[in-house]
Amino acid sequence: MKVKISVSMEEDTIKKIENTLKRGIYRNKSHLIELATKEFIEENKK
């Protein structure tokens, strides 16, 4: 089940996300952020 959250980010980060979305690899911001978060967690497991 997906849960809606709210986050605050620097404007520059949002611009980078939007530019990445223009490449068409991700469906939307939520998709990109979810995958990036999962990757970050996996890489930082101890």
N, C-alpha and C. Protein backbone atom coordinates (compact mmCIF):
# COMPACT_ATOMS: atom_id res chain seq x y z
N MET A 1 0.84 -1.18 0.00
CA MET A 1 0.00 0.00 0.00
C MET A 1 0.89 1.25 0.00
N LYS A 2 0.58 2.18 -0.83
CA LYS A 2 1.32 3.44 -0.89
C LYS A 2 0.74 4.41 0.13
N VAL A 3 1.63 5.17 0.77
CA VAL A 3 1.24 6.17 1.75
C VAL A 3 1.74 7.52 1.26
N LYS A 4 0.88 8.50 1.24
CA LYS A 4 1.25 9.83 0.78
C LYS A 4 2.01 10.56 1.89
N ILE A 5 3.14 11.19 1.51
CA ILE A 5 3.93 11.99 2.45
C ILE A 5 4.20 13.36 1.83
N SER A 6 4.72 14.23 2.63
CA SER A 6 5.12 15.55 2.16
C SER A 6 6.56 15.79 2.58
N VAL A 7 7.36 16.33 1.67
CA VAL A 7 8.75 16.65 1.98
C VAL A 7 9.09 18.04 1.49
N SER A 8 10.08 18.63 2.11
CA SER A 8 10.59 19.93 1.66
C SER A 8 11.99 19.71 1.12
N MET A 9 12.28 20.32 -0.03
CA MET A 9 13.58 20.18 -0.66
C MET A 9 14.03 21.53 -1.19
N GLU A 10 15.33 21.65 -1.34
CA GLU A 10 15.89 22.85 -1.94
C GLU A 10 15.36 22.99 -3.37
N GLU A 11 15.17 24.22 -3.79
CA GLU A 11 14.65 24.49 -5.13
C GLU A 11 15.55 23.89 -6.21
N ASP A 12 16.85 23.94 -6.00
CA ASP A 12 17.80 23.38 -6.96
C ASP A 12 17.61 21.87 -7.12
N THR A 13 17.33 21.19 -6.02
CA THR A 13 17.09 19.75 -6.07
C THR A 13 15.83 19.44 -6.88
N ILE A 14 14.78 20.22 -6.68
CA ILE A 14 13.53 20.03 -7.43
C ILE A 14 13.78 20.24 -8.92
N LYS A 15 14.56 21.25 -9.27
CA LYS A 15 14.87 21.49 -10.68
C LYS A 15 15.61 20.30 -11.29
N LYS A 16 16.54 19.73 -10.53
CA LYS A 16 17.28 18.56 -11.02
C LYS A 16 16.34 17.37 -11.21
N ILE A 17 15.41 17.20 -10.29
CA ILE A 17 14.42 16.12 -10.42
C ILE A 17 13.59 16.34 -11.67
N GLU A 18 13.11 17.54 -11.88
CA GLU A 18 12.28 17.85 -13.04
C GLU A 18 13.05 17.65 -14.35
N ASN A 19 14.33 18.02 -14.37
CA ASN A 19 15.14 17.80 -15.56
C ASN A 19 15.34 16.31 -15.82
N THR A 20 15.50 15.54 -14.77
CA THR A 20 15.64 14.09 -14.91
C THR A 20 14.35 13.49 -15.46
N LEU A 21 13.22 13.97 -15.00
CA LEU A 21 11.93 13.46 -15.48
C LEU A 21 11.74 13.69 -16.98
N LYS A 22 12.31 14.75 -17.51
CA LYS A 22 12.18 15.06 -18.94
C LYS A 22 12.79 13.97 -19.82
N ARG A 23 13.70 13.16 -19.25
CA ARG A 23 14.32 12.08 -20.02
C ARG A 23 13.37 10.91 -20.23
N GLY A 24 12.28 10.88 -19.47
CA GLY A 24 11.26 9.86 -19.66
C GLY A 24 11.55 8.51 -19.04
N ILE A 25 12.52 8.42 -18.16
CA ILE A 25 12.88 7.15 -17.53
C ILE A 25 11.90 6.82 -16.39
N TYR A 26 11.43 7.85 -15.69
CA TYR A 26 10.56 7.68 -14.54
C TYR A 26 9.16 8.19 -14.86
N ARG A 27 8.16 7.60 -14.22
CA ARG A 27 6.77 7.99 -14.48
C ARG A 27 6.45 9.38 -13.95
N ASN A 28 6.99 9.68 -12.77
CA ASN A 28 6.68 10.95 -12.11
C ASN A 28 7.66 11.16 -10.96
N LYS A 29 7.51 12.26 -10.23
CA LYS A 29 8.42 12.56 -9.13
C LYS A 29 8.38 11.48 -8.06
N SER A 30 7.20 11.00 -7.74
CA SER A 30 7.09 9.96 -6.71
C SER A 30 7.87 8.72 -7.09
N HIS A 31 7.76 8.31 -8.35
CA HIS A 31 8.47 7.13 -8.84
C HIS A 31 9.98 7.33 -8.70
N LEU A 32 10.48 8.46 -9.16
CA LEU A 32 11.91 8.75 -9.09
C LEU A 32 12.40 8.77 -7.65
N ILE A 33 11.69 9.47 -6.77
CA ILE A 33 12.12 9.61 -5.38
C ILE A 33 12.04 8.27 -4.65
N GLU A 34 11.00 7.47 -4.93
CA GLU A 34 10.90 6.17 -4.28
C GLU A 34 12.06 5.26 -4.67
N LEU A 35 12.38 5.20 -5.96
CA LEU A 35 13.48 4.36 -6.41
C LEU A 35 14.82 4.86 -5.87
N ALA A 36 15.02 6.17 -5.88
CA ALA A 36 16.27 6.73 -5.36
C ALA A 36 16.42 6.45 -3.87
N THR A 37 15.34 6.52 -3.13
CA THR A 37 15.37 6.25 -1.70
C THR A 37 15.69 4.79 -1.43
N LYS A 38 15.05 3.89 -2.18
CA LYS A 38 15.33 2.45 -2.01
C LYS A 38 16.79 2.15 -2.32
N GLU A 39 17.32 2.75 -3.37
CA GLU A 39 18.73 2.54 -3.73
C GLU A 39 19.65 3.06 -2.63
N PHE A 40 19.34 4.24 -2.11
CA PHE A 40 20.14 4.83 -1.04
C PHE A 40 20.15 3.92 0.18
N ILE A 41 18.99 3.41 0.56
CA ILE A 41 18.89 2.54 1.73
C ILE A 41 19.70 1.27 1.52
N GLU A 42 19.59 0.66 0.34
CA GLU A 42 20.34 -0.56 0.05
C GLU A 42 21.86 -0.33 0.12
N GLU A 43 22.30 0.79 -0.43
CA GLU A 43 23.73 1.09 -0.45
C GLU A 43 24.29 1.41 0.94
N ASN A 44 23.41 1.80 1.85
CA ASN A 44 23.87 2.22 3.18
C ASN A 44 23.48 1.25 4.28
N LYS A 45 23.11 0.04 3.91
CA LYS A 45 22.84 -0.98 4.92
C LYS A 45 24.12 -1.34 5.64
N LYS A 46 24.01 -1.67 6.89
CA LYS A 46 25.21 -2.05 7.66
C LYS A 46 25.09 -3.47 8.12
